[in-house]
Protein backbone atom coordinates (compact mmCIF):
# COMPACT_ATOMS: atom_id res chain seq x y z
CA MET A 1 25.23 -11.40 31.23
CA ASP A 2 28.46 -13.24 30.47
CA ALA A 3 28.76 -11.30 27.23
CA GLU A 4 28.67 -8.04 29.16
CA LYS A 5 31.40 -9.22 31.54
CA SER A 6 33.54 -10.33 28.61
CA LEU A 7 32.98 -7.00 26.91
CA ASP A 8 34.00 -5.19 30.10
CA ASN A 9 37.16 -7.27 30.33
CA ALA A 10 37.96 -6.59 26.69
CA SER A 11 37.67 -2.87 27.34
CA HIS A 12 39.94 -2.95 30.42
CA SER A 13 42.58 -4.98 28.60
CA HIS A 14 43.41 -1.88 26.58
CA GLU A 15 43.80 0.61 29.42
CA LYS A 16 47.50 1.09 28.74
CA THR A 17 47.32 1.19 24.99
CA PRO A 18 45.21 3.66 23.01
CA SER A 19 42.55 1.90 20.94
CA THR A 20 41.14 2.86 17.60
CA PRO A 21 37.58 2.17 16.41
CA ASP A 22 38.85 -0.72 14.27
CA SER A 23 40.63 -2.43 17.16
CA ILE A 24 37.60 -1.93 19.41
CA SER A 25 35.36 -3.53 16.75
CA GLU A 26 37.70 -6.54 16.66
CA ASP A 27 37.37 -6.88 20.45
CA TYR A 28 33.58 -6.73 20.22
CA ALA A 29 33.52 -9.31 17.42
CA ALA A 30 35.48 -11.71 19.61
CA THR A 31 33.23 -10.98 22.57
CA TYR A 32 30.00 -11.75 20.77
CA GLY A 33 31.40 -14.57 18.64
CA ILE A 34 30.20 -12.87 15.46
CA SER A 35 32.08 -12.56 12.20
CA GLU A 36 32.02 -8.89 11.20
CA LYS A 37 32.27 -9.76 7.50
CA SER A 38 29.35 -12.19 7.76
CA LEU A 39 27.30 -9.58 9.59
CA LEU A 40 28.04 -6.97 6.92
CA ARG A 41 26.92 -9.38 4.21
CA LYS A 42 23.71 -9.97 6.15
CA LEU A 43 23.11 -6.22 6.49
CA ASP A 44 23.75 -5.73 2.78
CA ARG A 45 21.26 -8.47 1.86
CA HIS A 46 18.50 -7.01 4.00
CA LEU A 47 19.10 -3.28 3.52
CA LEU A 48 20.53 -2.52 0.09
CA PRO A 49 18.24 -4.34 -2.39
CA GLY A 50 15.12 -2.69 -1.00
CA VAL A 51 16.37 0.90 -1.01
CA CYS A 52 18.06 0.42 -4.42
CA ILE A 53 14.75 -0.74 -5.91
CA LEU A 54 12.94 2.26 -4.42
CA TYR A 55 15.49 4.68 -5.82
CA LEU A 56 15.42 3.02 -9.22
CA LEU A 57 11.66 3.61 -9.25
CA SER A 58 12.15 7.18 -8.03
CA PHE A 59 14.57 8.08 -10.79
CA LEU A 60 12.47 6.24 -13.36
CA ASP A 61 9.32 8.13 -12.39
CA ARG A 62 11.01 11.53 -12.50
CA SER A 63 12.94 11.04 -15.75
CA ASN A 64 10.47 9.03 -17.85
CA VAL A 65 8.96 12.36 -18.88
CA ALA A 66 11.86 12.59 -21.35
CA ASN A 67 10.78 9.31 -22.94
CA ALA A 68 7.13 10.40 -22.90
CA LYS A 69 7.99 13.59 -24.76
CA LEU A 70 9.33 11.59 -27.69
CA ASP A 71 6.03 9.70 -27.81
CA GLY A 72 3.86 12.82 -28.13
CA LEU A 73 3.32 14.19 -24.61
CA ASP A 74 3.77 17.84 -25.54
CA ALA A 75 1.71 17.59 -28.72
CA ASP A 76 -1.28 15.90 -27.04
CA LEU A 77 -1.37 18.42 -24.18
CA HIS A 78 -0.79 21.34 -26.55
CA MET A 79 2.32 22.46 -24.68
CA THR A 80 4.92 24.81 -26.04
CA GLY A 81 8.60 24.06 -25.54
CA ASP A 82 8.84 26.65 -22.77
CA GLN A 83 5.83 25.17 -20.96
CA TYR A 84 7.35 21.71 -21.06
CA LEU A 85 10.58 23.06 -19.54
CA THR A 86 8.57 24.87 -16.86
CA GLY A 87 6.97 21.56 -15.91
CA LEU A 88 10.43 20.06 -15.44
CA THR A 89 11.45 23.03 -13.29
CA LEU A 90 8.38 22.75 -11.05
CA PHE A 91 9.34 19.19 -10.14
CA PHE A 92 12.63 20.36 -8.64
CA ILE A 93 11.07 23.30 -6.80
CA GLY A 94 8.78 20.92 -4.93
CA TYR A 95 11.65 18.48 -4.48
CA ILE A 96 13.93 21.13 -2.97
CA LEU A 97 11.44 22.77 -0.60
CA PHE A 98 10.63 19.64 1.40
CA GLU A 99 13.89 17.68 1.58
CA VAL A 100 15.10 18.98 4.95
CA PRO A 101 11.65 18.72 6.66
CA TRP A 102 11.16 15.20 5.26
CA ASN A 103 14.44 14.03 6.84
CA LEU A 104 13.33 15.36 10.21
CA VAL A 105 10.02 13.50 9.81
CA LEU A 106 11.94 10.31 8.98
CA LYS A 107 13.89 10.59 12.22
CA ARG A 108 10.62 10.73 14.17
CA ILE A 109 8.52 8.14 12.28
CA GLY A 110 11.15 5.61 11.26
CA PRO A 111 12.10 4.19 7.83
CA LYS A 112 9.89 1.09 7.85
CA ILE A 113 6.72 3.18 7.65
CA TRP A 114 8.00 6.41 6.10
CA LEU A 115 9.95 5.16 3.06
CA PRO A 116 7.24 2.81 1.66
CA SER A 117 4.54 5.41 2.39
CA VAL A 118 6.19 8.20 0.42
CA THR A 119 6.93 5.72 -2.39
CA LEU A 120 3.26 4.73 -2.57
CA ILE A 121 2.17 8.37 -2.67
CA TRP A 122 4.56 9.38 -5.43
CA GLY A 123 3.60 6.20 -7.35
CA ILE A 124 0.00 7.39 -7.35
CA VAL A 125 1.05 10.87 -8.48
CA ALA A 126 3.30 9.41 -11.20
CA THR A 127 0.37 7.35 -12.51
CA LEU A 128 -1.82 10.45 -12.65
CA GLN A 129 0.60 11.98 -15.15
CA GLY A 130 -0.82 9.52 -17.66
CA VAL A 131 -4.42 10.73 -17.27
CA VAL A 132 -3.83 14.47 -17.67
CA VAL A 133 -6.06 15.61 -20.53
CA TYR A 134 -6.43 18.61 -22.79
CA ASN A 135 -9.94 20.08 -22.72
CA GLY A 136 -9.16 23.32 -24.48
CA GLY A 137 -7.36 26.41 -23.26
CA GLN A 138 -4.56 25.66 -20.78
CA THR A 139 -6.12 22.60 -19.10
CA GLY A 140 -3.49 20.11 -20.30
CA VAL A 141 -0.62 22.37 -19.33
CA ALA A 142 -2.13 23.16 -15.90
CA GLY A 143 -2.62 19.47 -15.14
CA PHE A 144 0.96 18.71 -16.16
CA PHE A 145 2.25 21.49 -13.90
CA VAL A 146 0.26 20.24 -10.89
CA VAL A 147 1.31 16.58 -11.09
CA ARG A 148 4.97 17.44 -11.70
CA SER A 149 4.95 19.73 -8.65
CA PHE A 150 3.42 17.09 -6.39
CA LEU A 151 5.74 14.44 -7.77
CA GLY A 152 8.72 16.55 -6.71
CA VAL A 153 7.29 17.12 -3.23
CA THR A 154 6.79 13.40 -2.61
CA GLU A 155 10.02 12.15 -4.19
CA GLY A 156 12.06 14.63 -2.18
CA ALA A 157 11.75 12.39 0.88
CA LEU A 158 13.61 9.37 -0.49
CA PHE A 159 17.23 10.10 -1.35
CA PRO A 160 18.34 12.20 1.64
CA GLY A 161 16.30 9.88 3.85
CA VAL A 162 18.05 6.75 2.65
CA VAL A 163 21.50 8.35 2.96
CA PHE A 164 20.72 9.15 6.60
CA TYR A 165 19.15 5.71 7.11
CA LEU A 166 22.29 3.89 5.94
CA SER A 167 24.45 6.08 8.19
CA MET A 168 22.56 4.61 11.16
CA TRP A 169 23.55 1.05 10.19
CA TYR A 170 27.09 1.24 8.82
CA LYS A 171 30.40 2.55 10.10
CA ARG A 172 31.79 5.62 8.38
CA SER A 173 34.30 3.61 6.34
CA GLU A 174 31.50 1.34 5.09
CA ARG A 175 28.97 3.96 4.02
CA GLN A 176 30.51 5.32 0.84
CA TYR A 177 30.45 2.01 -1.02
CA ARG A 178 26.83 1.34 -0.01
CA ILE A 179 25.63 4.83 -0.91
CA ALA A 180 27.40 4.58 -4.27
CA LEU A 181 25.69 1.25 -4.96
CA PHE A 182 22.39 2.85 -3.97
CA PHE A 183 22.95 5.76 -6.36
CA SER A 184 23.94 3.41 -9.21
CA ALA A 185 20.21 2.66 -9.41
CA ALA A 186 19.84 6.12 -11.00
CA SER A 187 21.82 5.22 -14.11
CA LEU A 188 20.24 1.77 -14.09
CA ALA A 189 16.84 3.51 -14.15
CA GLY A 190 17.93 5.34 -17.29
CA ALA A 191 18.71 2.05 -18.99
CA PHE A 192 15.45 0.46 -17.86
CA GLY A 193 13.55 3.57 -18.86
CA GLY A 194 14.81 3.29 -22.42
CA ILE A 195 13.87 -0.38 -22.66
CA LEU A 196 10.43 0.12 -21.12
CA ALA A 197 9.67 3.21 -23.22
CA TYR A 198 10.61 1.32 -26.39
CA GLY A 199 8.28 -1.58 -25.55
CA ILE A 200 5.44 0.48 -24.09
CA GLY A 201 5.52 2.75 -27.14
CA TYR A 202 3.95 -0.11 -29.10
CA MET A 203 0.85 0.12 -26.87
CA LYS A 204 -0.18 3.25 -28.74
CA GLY A 205 -3.92 3.01 -29.36
CA VAL A 206 -4.65 0.47 -26.61
CA ALA A 207 -7.82 1.65 -24.79
CA GLY A 208 -7.64 4.69 -27.03
CA LEU A 209 -4.56 6.04 -25.27
CA ASN A 210 -1.33 7.28 -26.81
CA GLY A 211 1.92 5.53 -25.96
CA TRP A 212 3.24 8.26 -23.63
CA ARG A 213 0.23 7.82 -21.35
CA TRP A 214 0.97 4.13 -20.94
CA ILE A 215 4.58 4.95 -20.00
CA PHE A 216 3.35 6.94 -17.00
CA ILE A 217 0.50 4.59 -16.10
CA ILE A 218 2.40 1.29 -16.23
CA GLU A 219 5.54 2.59 -14.53
CA GLY A 220 3.47 4.43 -11.90
CA ILE A 221 1.40 1.34 -11.06
CA LEU A 222 4.62 -0.69 -10.84
CA THR A 223 5.88 1.79 -8.23
CA CYS A 224 2.66 1.48 -6.21
CA VAL A 225 2.79 -2.32 -6.18
CA ILE A 226 6.43 -2.43 -5.06
CA ALA A 227 5.78 0.31 -2.47
CA VAL A 228 3.17 -1.89 -0.78
CA GLY A 229 5.75 -4.67 -0.63
CA GLY A 230 8.14 -2.15 0.95
CA TYR A 231 6.21 -2.34 4.23
CA TRP A 232 7.66 -5.84 4.52
CA PHE A 233 11.11 -5.59 2.91
CA VAL A 234 12.27 -2.19 4.24
CA ALA A 235 13.99 -2.67 7.62
CA ASP A 236 13.56 -0.38 10.61
CA TRP A 237 16.26 1.31 12.70
CA PRO A 238 18.83 -1.05 14.24
CA ALA A 239 17.11 -0.94 17.65
CA ARG A 240 13.83 -2.25 16.16
CA ALA A 241 14.83 -4.31 13.10
CA ARG A 242 13.61 -7.91 13.20
CA PHE A 243 16.17 -9.55 10.92
CA VAL A 244 18.97 -9.32 13.51
CA ASN A 245 19.10 -11.23 16.79
CA GLU A 246 19.94 -9.62 20.13
CA ASP A 247 23.65 -10.50 20.00
CA GLU A 248 23.93 -9.07 16.49
CA ARG A 249 22.03 -5.97 17.59
CA ALA A 250 24.39 -5.49 20.52
CA PHE A 251 27.39 -5.96 18.25
CA ILE A 252 26.03 -3.46 15.71
CA ASN A 253 25.52 -0.91 18.48
CA ALA A 254 28.98 -1.55 19.93
CA ARG A 255 30.83 -1.15 16.62
CA LEU A 256 28.90 2.01 15.76
CA LYS A 257 29.44 3.47 19.23
CA ALA A 258 33.19 3.02 18.79
CA ASP A 259 33.06 4.63 15.34
CA SER A 260 30.59 7.51 15.47
CA ASP A 261 27.36 8.83 17.00
CA ALA A 262 24.91 6.43 15.34
CA THR A 263 23.89 4.68 18.58
CA GLN A 264 23.38 7.79 20.69
CA ASP A 265 19.80 8.49 21.72
CA GLU A 266 19.86 12.01 20.35
CA ALA A 267 16.62 13.92 20.73
CA PHE A 268 15.74 16.42 18.03
CA ASN A 269 17.11 19.85 18.80
CA TRP A 270 17.01 22.97 16.62
CA THR A 271 20.48 23.83 17.94
CA ASN A 272 21.89 20.84 16.05
CA VAL A 273 20.17 22.02 12.87
CA TRP A 274 21.86 25.40 13.39
CA HIS A 275 25.23 23.66 13.83
CA ALA A 276 24.83 22.23 10.33
CA LEU A 277 23.76 25.54 8.83
CA LYS A 278 26.75 27.45 10.22
CA ASP A 279 29.38 24.84 9.30
CA PRO A 280 31.30 26.01 6.18
CA LYS A 281 32.19 22.41 5.32
CA VAL A 282 28.49 21.56 4.97
CA TRP A 283 28.10 24.34 2.41
CA LEU A 284 31.12 23.04 0.52
CA TYR A 285 29.48 19.60 0.34
CA CYS A 286 26.40 21.39 -1.02
CA ALA A 287 28.51 23.19 -3.64
CA CYS A 288 30.13 19.92 -4.68
CA TYR A 289 26.74 18.43 -5.51
CA HIS A 290 25.33 21.66 -6.94
CA THR A 291 28.07 21.71 -9.58
CA LEU A 292 27.17 18.12 -10.53
CA SER A 293 23.38 18.17 -10.35
CA LEU A 294 23.00 20.43 -13.39
CA PRO A 295 24.91 18.09 -15.74
CA LEU A 296 23.30 15.06 -14.04
CA TYR A 297 19.72 16.11 -14.60
CA THR A 298 20.19 17.79 -17.96
CA LEU A 299 21.65 14.52 -19.20
CA SER A 300 18.94 12.32 -17.67
CA LEU A 301 16.05 14.59 -18.73
CA PHE A 302 17.27 15.48 -22.22
CA LEU A 303 19.33 12.49 -23.36
CA PRO A 304 16.51 11.03 -25.51
CA SER A 305 16.05 14.42 -27.18
CA ILE A 306 19.80 14.91 -27.64
CA ILE A 307 20.06 11.52 -29.37
CA ALA A 308 16.89 12.06 -31.42
CA ALA A 309 18.33 15.37 -32.63
CA LEU A 310 21.17 13.41 -34.25
CA GLY A 311 18.68 12.14 -36.80
CA CYS A 312 17.26 9.07 -35.05
CA LYS A 313 13.65 7.96 -34.97
CA ALA A 314 11.93 8.20 -31.59
CA SER A 315 11.98 4.42 -31.05
CA SER A 316 15.66 4.18 -31.98
CA ALA A 317 16.52 7.09 -29.67
CA GLN A 318 14.84 5.28 -26.77
CA LEU A 319 17.05 2.23 -27.34
CA LEU A 320 20.24 4.26 -27.87
CA THR A 321 19.92 5.74 -24.37
CA ILE A 322 20.59 2.30 -22.88
CA PRO A 323 24.35 1.78 -23.58
CA PRO A 324 25.54 5.09 -22.01
CA TYR A 325 23.52 4.37 -18.88
CA ALA A 326 24.82 0.80 -18.72
CA LEU A 327 28.40 2.11 -18.86
CA ALA A 328 27.62 4.70 -16.17
CA THR A 329 26.20 2.02 -13.86
CA THR A 330 29.26 -0.18 -14.26
CA LEU A 331 31.71 2.66 -13.66
CA THR A 332 29.78 3.91 -10.63
CA VAL A 333 30.28 0.54 -8.94
CA ILE A 334 33.96 0.35 -10.02
CA TYR A 335 34.73 3.85 -8.72
CA ALA A 336 33.01 2.99 -5.43
CA ILE A 337 35.14 -0.13 -4.98
CA VAL A 338 38.44 1.53 -5.93
CA SER A 339 37.86 4.70 -3.88
CA GLU A 340 36.89 2.56 -0.91
CA ARG A 341 40.09 0.55 -1.24
CA TYR A 342 42.25 3.68 -1.25
CA HIS A 343 40.06 5.53 1.30
CA ARG A 344 39.90 8.63 -0.88
CA ARG A 345 36.93 10.48 -2.36
CA GLY A 346 38.11 13.87 -3.61
CA PRO A 347 40.67 12.69 -6.18
CA PHE A 348 38.23 10.19 -7.69
CA ILE A 349 35.48 12.80 -7.92
CA MET A 350 37.86 15.09 -9.82
CA ILE A 351 38.99 12.31 -12.18
CA SER A 352 35.38 11.40 -12.89
CA ALA A 353 34.37 15.03 -13.46
CA ALA A 354 37.32 15.41 -15.86
CA THR A 355 35.98 12.44 -17.84
CA ALA A 356 32.61 14.18 -18.21
CA ILE A 357 34.38 17.39 -19.26
CA ILE A 358 35.95 15.47 -22.17
CA GLY A 359 32.45 14.35 -23.17
CA TYR A 360 31.04 17.88 -23.30
CA ILE A 361 34.07 19.15 -25.21
CA ILE A 362 33.40 16.45 -27.82
CA LEU A 363 29.73 17.44 -28.00
CA LEU A 364 30.54 21.15 -28.39
CA THR A 365 33.30 20.75 -30.97
CA ASN A 366 31.21 18.56 -33.28
CA THR A 367 29.96 21.33 -35.58
CA ASP A 368 27.66 19.08 -37.63
CA PRO A 369 26.01 16.35 -35.51
CA HIS A 370 23.80 15.29 -38.43
CA LYS A 371 26.82 14.39 -40.58
CA ARG A 372 28.85 12.97 -37.68
CA PRO A 373 26.28 11.58 -35.21
CA GLY A 374 28.77 8.99 -33.97
CA VAL A 375 31.04 11.70 -32.61
CA SER A 376 28.27 13.27 -30.53
CA TYR A 377 27.12 9.85 -29.39
CA ALA A 378 30.68 9.14 -28.18
CA GLY A 379 30.57 12.42 -26.27
CA VAL A 380 27.40 11.25 -24.54
CA PHE A 381 29.25 8.12 -23.37
CA PHE A 382 32.05 10.20 -21.83
CA ALA A 383 29.55 12.54 -20.17
CA ALA A 384 27.54 9.72 -18.59
CA ALA A 385 30.71 7.82 -17.63
CA GLY A 386 31.96 10.82 -15.69
CA ILE A 387 28.83 12.35 -14.18
CA TYR A 388 27.26 9.37 -12.44
CA PRO A 389 30.35 8.08 -10.54
CA ALA A 390 31.21 11.64 -9.45
CA VAL A 391 27.70 12.20 -8.09
CA ALA A 392 27.71 8.89 -6.21
CA LEU A 393 30.98 9.71 -4.45
CA THR A 394 29.93 13.29 -3.72
CA LEU A 395 26.64 12.31 -2.12
CA SER A 396 28.34 9.82 0.18
CA TRP A 397 30.92 12.32 1.45
CA PRO A 398 28.83 14.14 4.12
CA ALA A 399 27.30 10.84 5.26
CA MET A 400 30.83 9.83 6.25
CA ASN A 401 32.17 13.16 7.45
CA VAL A 402 29.31 14.89 9.29
CA SER A 403 28.72 13.72 12.86
CA GLY A 404 25.77 14.33 15.13
CA GLN A 405 22.55 12.61 14.03
CA THR A 406 20.42 15.71 13.53
CA LYS A 407 23.33 17.63 12.06
CA ARG A 408 24.03 14.81 9.60
CA ALA A 409 20.34 14.45 8.67
CA THR A 410 20.21 18.21 8.05
CA ALA A 411 23.48 18.22 6.10
CA ASN A 412 22.40 15.32 3.88
CA ALA A 413 19.07 16.97 3.07
CA LEU A 414 20.64 20.40 2.64
CA GLN A 415 23.19 19.00 0.20
CA ILE A 416 20.40 17.64 -1.99
CA THR A 417 18.38 20.84 -1.63
CA ILE A 418 21.17 23.24 -2.58
CA GLY A 419 22.51 20.80 -5.12
CA ASN A 420 19.23 20.50 -6.95
CA LEU A 421 19.07 24.23 -7.50
CA GLY A 422 21.47 23.34 -10.30
CA ALA A 423 18.81 21.03 -11.70
CA VAL A 424 16.28 23.89 -11.62
CA ILE A 425 18.63 25.97 -13.75
CA GLY A 426 19.40 23.04 -16.04
CA THR A 427 15.76 22.38 -16.92
CA GLN A 428 15.66 25.69 -18.79
CA LEU A 429 18.82 25.24 -20.89
CA TYR A 430 18.01 22.64 -23.54
CA ARG A 431 15.57 24.43 -25.81
CA ALA A 432 14.22 23.27 -29.15
CA GLU A 433 15.71 26.24 -30.99
CA ASN A 434 19.23 25.09 -29.95
CA THR A 435 18.93 21.66 -31.52
CA PRO A 436 20.94 19.68 -32.59
CA ARG A 437 24.11 21.13 -30.99
CA TYR A 438 22.53 22.47 -27.78
CA ILE A 439 25.46 24.85 -27.36
CA VAL A 440 23.97 26.72 -24.39
CA GLY A 441 23.12 23.60 -22.41
CA HIS A 442 26.38 21.79 -23.11
CA SER A 443 28.44 24.92 -22.37
CA VAL A 444 26.82 25.53 -18.99
CA ALA A 445 27.20 21.85 -18.07
CA LEU A 446 30.89 22.06 -19.01
CA ALA A 447 31.37 25.18 -16.89
CA TYR A 448 29.66 23.53 -13.92
CA LEU A 449 31.93 20.48 -14.14
CA CYS A 450 35.00 22.72 -14.17
CA GLY A 451 33.57 24.46 -11.11
CA ASN A 452 33.14 21.08 -9.44
CA ILE A 453 36.84 20.32 -9.72
CA CYS A 454 37.61 23.69 -8.09
CA VAL A 455 35.16 23.18 -5.20
CA VAL A 456 36.29 19.60 -4.53
CA SER A 457 39.91 20.79 -4.46
CA ILE A 458 39.05 23.45 -1.86
CA LEU A 459 37.11 20.99 0.31
CA TRP A 460 39.90 18.42 0.09
CA PHE A 461 42.43 21.05 1.24
CA VAL A 462 40.22 22.17 4.15
CA LEU A 463 39.62 18.63 5.41
CA LYS A 464 43.28 17.69 5.11
CA LYS A 465 44.32 20.78 7.06
CA ILE A 466 41.90 19.94 9.89
CA ASN A 467 43.10 16.32 10.03
CA THR A 468 46.71 17.46 10.22
CA ARG A 469 45.93 19.90 13.01
CA ARG A 470 44.18 17.27 15.10
CA GLY A 471 47.09 14.87 14.79
CA SER A 472 47.07 11.13 14.28
CA ALA A 473 44.41 8.98 15.92
CA GLU A 474 47.06 6.77 17.50
CA ALA A 475 48.32 9.72 19.57
CA VAL A 476 44.98 10.24 21.28
CA SER A 477 44.79 8.91 24.84
CA GLN A 478 42.62 5.98 25.85
CA GLU A 479 40.51 8.22 28.10
CA ILE A 480 39.51 10.38 25.12
CA TRP A 481 38.64 7.35 22.99
CA ASP A 482 36.34 6.00 25.72
CA GLY A 483 34.23 9.18 25.89
CA GLU A 484 31.04 9.92 23.97
CA TRP A 485 31.40 11.38 20.50
CA LYS A 486 31.00 15.16 20.39
CA GLY A 487 30.23 15.43 16.71
CA ASP A 488 32.71 16.09 13.95
CA GLU A 489 34.33 18.79 16.10
CA ASP A 490 35.57 16.00 18.39
CA THR A 491 39.38 15.83 18.45
CA ARG A 492 39.18 12.10 17.62
CA TRP A 493 37.24 12.74 14.41
CA ARG A 494 39.17 12.27 11.18
CA PHE A 495 37.61 13.44 7.95
CA THR A 496 37.71 11.18 4.89
CA LEU A 497 39.51 13.05 2.11
């Protein structure tokens, strides 16, 4: 092909001058006559809306239990406060146990079939939460425990899967912004959840069902319907996707080959899984998320109760959850844009975590939330404004810095798995006897955020030291640049700080 000859000529024209991935991408763009910016916009249009919608539904279906509780879930099922918290914990146990295996399944089956399928299954499970009944004894509690466990198992496939999926389409420098946009759907789900719960609450009595049942049923059916559509709007791997033509596919492969390992035909190998498990940097990424997941999920699962404890009616509390989530969504996008512009992650994670720390200090120092509810509500704004952007940046870090397809898939899933152990702990902290100040819960969340700043500082120092030791990319010879990537231990590899 003429394009292949031109590409070969473009490669030989740089024999005397070392090339970087960016300069190689420019050569390929000229060779194929494709605008890289236009191609990125096309990828964004076809990839991001679909996975963002799926994650919005995922976060909505896991956190709407907090809205359902305000509408009488625990009373109708005759659950104690401890039993309700146990149900929340069981979700994360199922979620954690299957995240790494699910990512390995994704690599074998492909995203076009796997992602809509798991969404459809968890949509069915989420709907079943609305038909759990109390028939005396522990029947209502047992049913609640079962559906929450299965919901966690099925939802555990989505987030680490999508992070790995995006890493197979975008260059390292492009992933963080996209993953942050994807995660912004979490805070957006909180806002939508409040609106939907407020409206659905008025369906109390329809078909003889209480309002909390309709929250699960309607939102679960919505997930099922959109999941079926996902078989059409979720794209496959670059080699099989139909929305790109052959020239665009070749260009995508060429730019990724110059940047990382995304185009290598890497067969699954347990050795590569072991490489991830023995890499200390992978465990630091896990610790970064672990120290954020506890405040993230305690806020998302208990925010309606925290606000209701300030003296609000249930319906008002549902609506008052919307503004903090709206602010969190906006700031998540802003942080993604700014951190991308400066090519830094660690400093922005620490700034964001510090913002959340201010929020929890406000919540803890307000000694009488009933007399000064506005003060505690302001603290909630600071907490949400800090937690969500920090999580988005943290989750994108290993997707950019871990190389080797199986190693990266393992690292992404392991980060969520270890991270969500914090969520397991968090589900037991906000107890009814601690209302309205929730000193235990807020204090542990504050301590975790302080720990996050420490861990991020350590990881930033480690990555910077490695980059310095390997020297500047411009000093690497052309022969080394032309070789296959050897993972993130490759001397060409530069970690994003």
